[in-house]
C-alpha atoms as a PDB file:
ATOM      1  CA  UNK A   1       2.353  17.722   0.064  1.00  0.00           C
ATOM      2  CA  UNK A   2       5.876  17.255   1.373  1.00  0.00           C
ATOM      3  CA  UNK A   3       9.100  17.307  -0.618  1.00  0.00           C
ATOM      4  CA  UNK A   4       9.552  13.615   0.174  1.00  0.00           C
ATOM      5  CA  UNK A   5       6.187  12.815  -1.419  1.00  0.00           C
ATOM      6  CA  UNK A   6       7.146  14.794  -4.524  1.00  0.00           C
ATOM      7  CA  UNK A   7      10.355  12.748  -4.642  1.00  0.00           C
ATOM      8  CA  UNK A   8       8.227   9.611  -4.857  1.00  0.00           C
ATOM      9  CA  UNK A   9       6.569  11.011  -7.970  1.00  0.00           C
ATOM     10  CA  UNK A  10       9.950  11.847  -9.486  1.00  0.00           C
ATOM     11  CA  UNK A  11      11.211   8.338  -8.692  1.00  0.00           C
ATOM     12  CA  UNK A  12       8.148   6.848 -10.380  1.00  0.00           C
ATOM     13  CA  UNK A  13       8.785   8.907 -13.534  1.00  0.00           C
ATOM     14  CA  UNK A  14      12.556   8.351 -13.821  1.00  0.00           C
ATOM     15  CA  UNK A  15      12.329   4.855 -15.355  1.00  0.00           C
ATOM     16  CA  UNK A  16      10.232   6.291 -18.164  1.00  0.00           C
ATOM     17  CA  UNK A  17      12.990   8.782 -18.946  1.00  0.00           C
ATOM     18  CA  UNK A  18      15.261   5.771 -19.403  1.00  0.00           C
ATOM     19  CA  UNK A  19      12.671   4.192 -21.711  1.00  0.00           C
ATOM     20  CA  UNK A  20      12.667   7.275 -23.913  1.00  0.00           C
ATOM     21  CA  UNK A  21      16.468   7.211 -24.050  1.00  0.00           C
ATOM     22  CA  UNK A  22      16.523   3.507 -24.919  1.00  0.00           C
ATOM     23  CA  UNK A  23      14.012   3.915 -27.711  1.00  0.00           C
ATOM     24  CA  UNK A  24      15.352   7.207 -29.073  1.00  0.00           C
ATOM     25  CA  UNK A  25      19.027   6.238 -29.068  1.00  0.00           C
ATOM     26  CA  UNK A  26      18.357   2.670 -30.159  1.00  0.00           C
ATOM     27  CA  UNK A  27      17.010   3.822 -33.504  1.00  0.00           C
ATOM     28  CA  UNK A  28      14.620   1.903 -35.711  1.00  0.00           C
ATOM     29  CA  UNK A  29      11.806   2.343 -33.179  1.00  0.00           C
ATOM     30  CA  UNK A  30       8.858   2.564 -35.516  1.00  0.00           C
ATOM     31  CA  UNK A  31       5.241   1.459 -35.492  1.00  0.00           C
ATOM     32  CA  UNK A  32       6.220  -2.197 -35.804  1.00  0.00           C
ATOM     33  CA  UNK A  33       8.428  -1.985 -32.724  1.00  0.00           C
ATOM     34  CA  UNK A  34       5.516  -0.542 -30.790  1.00  0.00           C
ATOM     35  CA  UNK A  35       3.516  -3.717 -31.401  1.00  0.00           C
ATOM     36  CA  UNK A  36       5.997  -5.607 -29.215  1.00  0.00           C
ATOM     37  CA  UNK A  37       8.166  -3.047 -27.399  1.00  0.00           C
ATOM     38  CA  UNK A  38       9.539  -5.547 -24.888  1.00  0.00           C
ATOM     39  CA  UNK A  39      10.957  -7.719 -27.646  1.00  0.00           C
ATOM     40  CA  UNK A  40      12.438  -4.602 -29.270  1.00  0.00           C
ATOM     41  CA  UNK A  41      14.051  -3.484 -26.008  1.00  0.00           C
ATOM     42  CA  UNK A  42      15.438  -6.964 -25.327  1.00  0.00           C
ATOM     43  CA  UNK A  43      17.354  -6.867 -28.635  1.00  0.00           C
ATOM     44  CA  UNK A  44      19.126  -3.572 -27.964  1.00  0.00           C
ATOM     45  CA  UNK A  45      22.885  -3.335 -27.476  1.00  0.00           C
ATOM     46  CA  UNK A  46      25.256  -0.754 -26.005  1.00  0.00           C
ATOM     47  CA  UNK A  47      23.878   2.515 -24.633  1.00  0.00           C
ATOM     48  CA  UNK A  48      20.223   1.786 -25.459  1.00  0.00           C
ATOM     49  CA  UNK A  49      20.462  -1.583 -23.678  1.00  0.00           C
ATOM     50  CA  UNK A  50      22.005   0.078 -20.629  1.00  0.00           C
ATOM     51  CA  UNK A  51      19.186   2.651 -20.636  1.00  0.00           C
ATOM     52  CA  UNK A  52      16.690  -0.207 -20.699  1.00  0.00           C
ATOM     53  CA  UNK A  53      18.506  -1.927 -17.818  1.00  0.00           C
ATOM     54  CA  UNK A  54      18.431   1.327 -15.826  1.00  0.00           C
ATOM     55  CA  UNK A  55      14.696   1.500 -16.504  1.00  0.00           C
ATOM     56  CA  UNK A  56      14.149  -2.009 -15.168  1.00  0.00           C
ATOM     57  CA  UNK A  57      16.212  -1.294 -12.064  1.00  0.00           C
ATOM     58  CA  UNK A  58      14.163   1.839 -11.458  1.00  0.00           C
ATOM     59  CA  UNK A  59      10.967  -0.203 -11.564  1.00  0.00           C
ATOM     60  CA  UNK A  60      12.523  -2.645  -9.078  1.00  0.00           C
ATOM     61  CA  UNK A  61      13.698  -0.178  -6.427  1.00  0.00           C
ATOM     62  CA  UNK A  62      11.016   2.522  -6.580  1.00  0.00           C
ATOM     63  CA  UNK A  63       8.340   0.556  -4.661  1.00  0.00           C
ATOM     64  CA  UNK A  64      10.714   0.130  -1.720  1.00  0.00           C
ATOM     65  CA  UNK A  65      11.460   3.866  -1.762  1.00  0.00           C
ATOM     66  CA  UNK A  66       7.774   4.780  -1.926  1.00  0.00           C
ATOM     67  CA  UNK A  67       6.997   2.430   0.962  1.00  0.00           C
ATOM     68  CA  UNK A  68       9.853   3.886   3.025  1.00  0.00           C
ATOM     69  CA  UNK A  69       8.641   7.457   2.487  1.00  0.00           C
ATOM     70  CA  UNK A  70       5.038   6.608   3.323  1.00  0.00           C
ATOM     71  CA  UNK A  71       5.952   4.564   6.392  1.00  0.00           C
ATOM     72  CA  UNK A  72       8.347   7.243   7.629  1.00  0.00           C
ATOM     73  CA  UNK A  73       5.596   9.839   7.338  1.00  0.00           C
ATOM     74  CA  UNK A  74       3.043   7.652   9.093  1.00  0.00           C
ATOM     75  CA  UNK A  75       5.410   6.657  11.895  1.00  0.00           C
ATOM     76  CA  UNK A  76       6.070  10.313  12.646  1.00  0.00           C
ATOM     77  CA  UNK A  77       9.342   9.601  14.432  1.00  0.00           C
ATOM     78  CA  UNK A  78      11.544  11.927  12.389  1.00  0.00           C
ATOM     79  CA  UNK A  79      11.720  15.584  11.508  1.00  0.00           C
ATOM     80  CA  UNK A  80      10.197  16.418   8.148  1.00  0.00           C
ATOM     81  CA  UNK A  81      13.450  18.019   7.029  1.00  0.00           C
ATOM     82  CA  UNK A  82      15.248  14.720   7.636  1.00  0.00           C
ATOM     83  CA  UNK A  83      12.687  12.792   5.599  1.00  0.00           C
ATOM     84  CA  UNK A  84      12.886  15.357   2.812  1.00  0.00           C
ATOM     85  CA  UNK A  85      16.690  15.224   2.811  1.00  0.00           C
ATOM     86  CA  UNK A  86      16.789  11.440   2.622  1.00  0.00           C
ATOM     87  CA  UNK A  87      14.183  11.427  -0.141  1.00  0.00           C
ATOM     88  CA  UNK A  88      16.164  14.008  -2.111  1.00  0.00           C
ATOM     89  CA  UNK A  89      19.305  11.941  -1.584  1.00  0.00           C
ATOM     90  CA  UNK A  90      17.512   8.955  -3.090  1.00  0.00           C
ATOM     91  CA  UNK A  91      16.413  10.926  -6.149  1.00  0.00           C
ATOM     92  CA  UNK A  92      19.880  12.399  -6.669  1.00  0.00           C
ATOM     93  CA  UNK A  93      21.438   8.953  -6.304  1.00  0.00           C
ATOM     94  CA  UNK A  94      18.995   7.596  -8.907  1.00  0.00           C
ATOM     95  CA  UNK A  95      19.838  10.396 -11.333  1.00  0.00           C
ATOM     96  CA  UNK A  96      23.543   9.700 -10.822  1.00  0.00           C
ATOM     97  CA  UNK A  97      22.864   5.963 -11.175  1.00  0.00           C
ATOM     98  CA  UNK A  98      21.170   6.505 -14.533  1.00  0.00           C
ATOM     99  CA  UNK A  99      23.966   8.742 -15.794  1.00  0.00           C
ATOM    100  CA  UNK A 100      26.603   6.236 -14.664  1.00  0.00           C
ATOM    101  CA  UNK A 101      24.700   3.401 -16.323  1.00  0.00           C
ATOM    102  CA  UNK A 102      24.463   5.320 -19.592  1.00  0.00           C
ATOM    103  CA  UNK A 103      28.167   6.192 -19.407  1.00  0.00           C
ATOM    104  CA  UNK A 104      29.060   2.539 -18.696  1.00  0.00           C
ATOM    105  CA  UNK A 105      30.669   3.368 -15.339  1.00  0.00           C
ATOM    106  CA  UNK A 106      29.844   0.129 -13.514  1.00  0.00           C
ATOM    107  CA  UNK A 107      31.695   0.693 -10.230  1.00  0.00           C
ATOM    108  CA  UNK A 108      30.417   4.239  -9.774  1.00  0.00           C
ATOM    109  CA  UNK A 109      26.931   3.069 -10.776  1.00  0.00           C
ATOM    110  CA  UNK A 110      27.014   0.412  -8.048  1.00  0.00           C
ATOM    111  CA  UNK A 111      28.059   3.034  -5.505  1.00  0.00           C
ATOM    112  CA  UNK A 112      25.125   5.246  -6.535  1.00  0.00           C
ATOM    113  CA  UNK A 113      22.790   2.271  -6.212  1.00  0.00           C
ATOM    114  CA  UNK A 114      24.150   1.578  -2.730  1.00  0.00           C
ATOM    115  CA  UNK A 115      23.595   5.208  -1.688  1.00  0.00           C
ATOM    116  CA  UNK A 116      19.994   4.958  -2.887  1.00  0.00           C
ATOM    117  CA  UNK A 117      19.443   1.737  -0.974  1.00  0.00           C
ATOM    118  CA  UNK A 118      21.064   3.310   2.080  1.00  0.00           C
ATOM    119  CA  UNK A 119      18.642   6.218   1.934  1.00  0.00           C
ATOM    120  CA  UNK A 120      15.732   3.754   1.909  1.00  0.00           C
ATOM    121  CA  UNK A 121      17.108   1.972   4.958  1.00  0.00           C
ATOM    122  CA  UNK A 122      17.751   5.318   6.635  1.00  0.00           C
ATOM    123  CA  UNK A 123      14.136   6.368   6.093  1.00  0.00           C
ATOM    124  CA  UNK A 124      13.001   3.297   7.986  1.00  0.00           C
ATOM    125  CA  UNK A 125      15.578   3.841  10.735  1.00  0.00           C
ATOM    126  CA  UNK A 126      14.806   7.502  11.412  1.00  0.00           C
ATOM    127  CA  UNK A 127      11.120   6.682  11.600  1.00  0.00           C
ATOM    128  CA  UNK A 128      11.654   3.985  14.217  1.00  0.00           C
END
């Protein structure tokens, strides 16, 4: 399995890290909250709410990344090292995005998001 494929797995798991942060830092997450976790998460404020928002964004962008990696592999138009590098760039940008979101650094967070999106576009382009 290639590094790029492993990056897809990491990207799939990252939103769940944000979920753990949102629930752990938010406090008061007990058995009752687990009966309706979405309602609990919607009521959060501050850092836990930002962690939840980072989670949702991860769920939104990860399918596009996974598709880009798979299509780039199938198209076979690029060197594997290029695909791996772009996939690693995406994962690093997502980690930075999450950290910026948690730290409430909106402008830097948006830049990290843009880098991640750029790596997705680049995967398609190098495969063409």
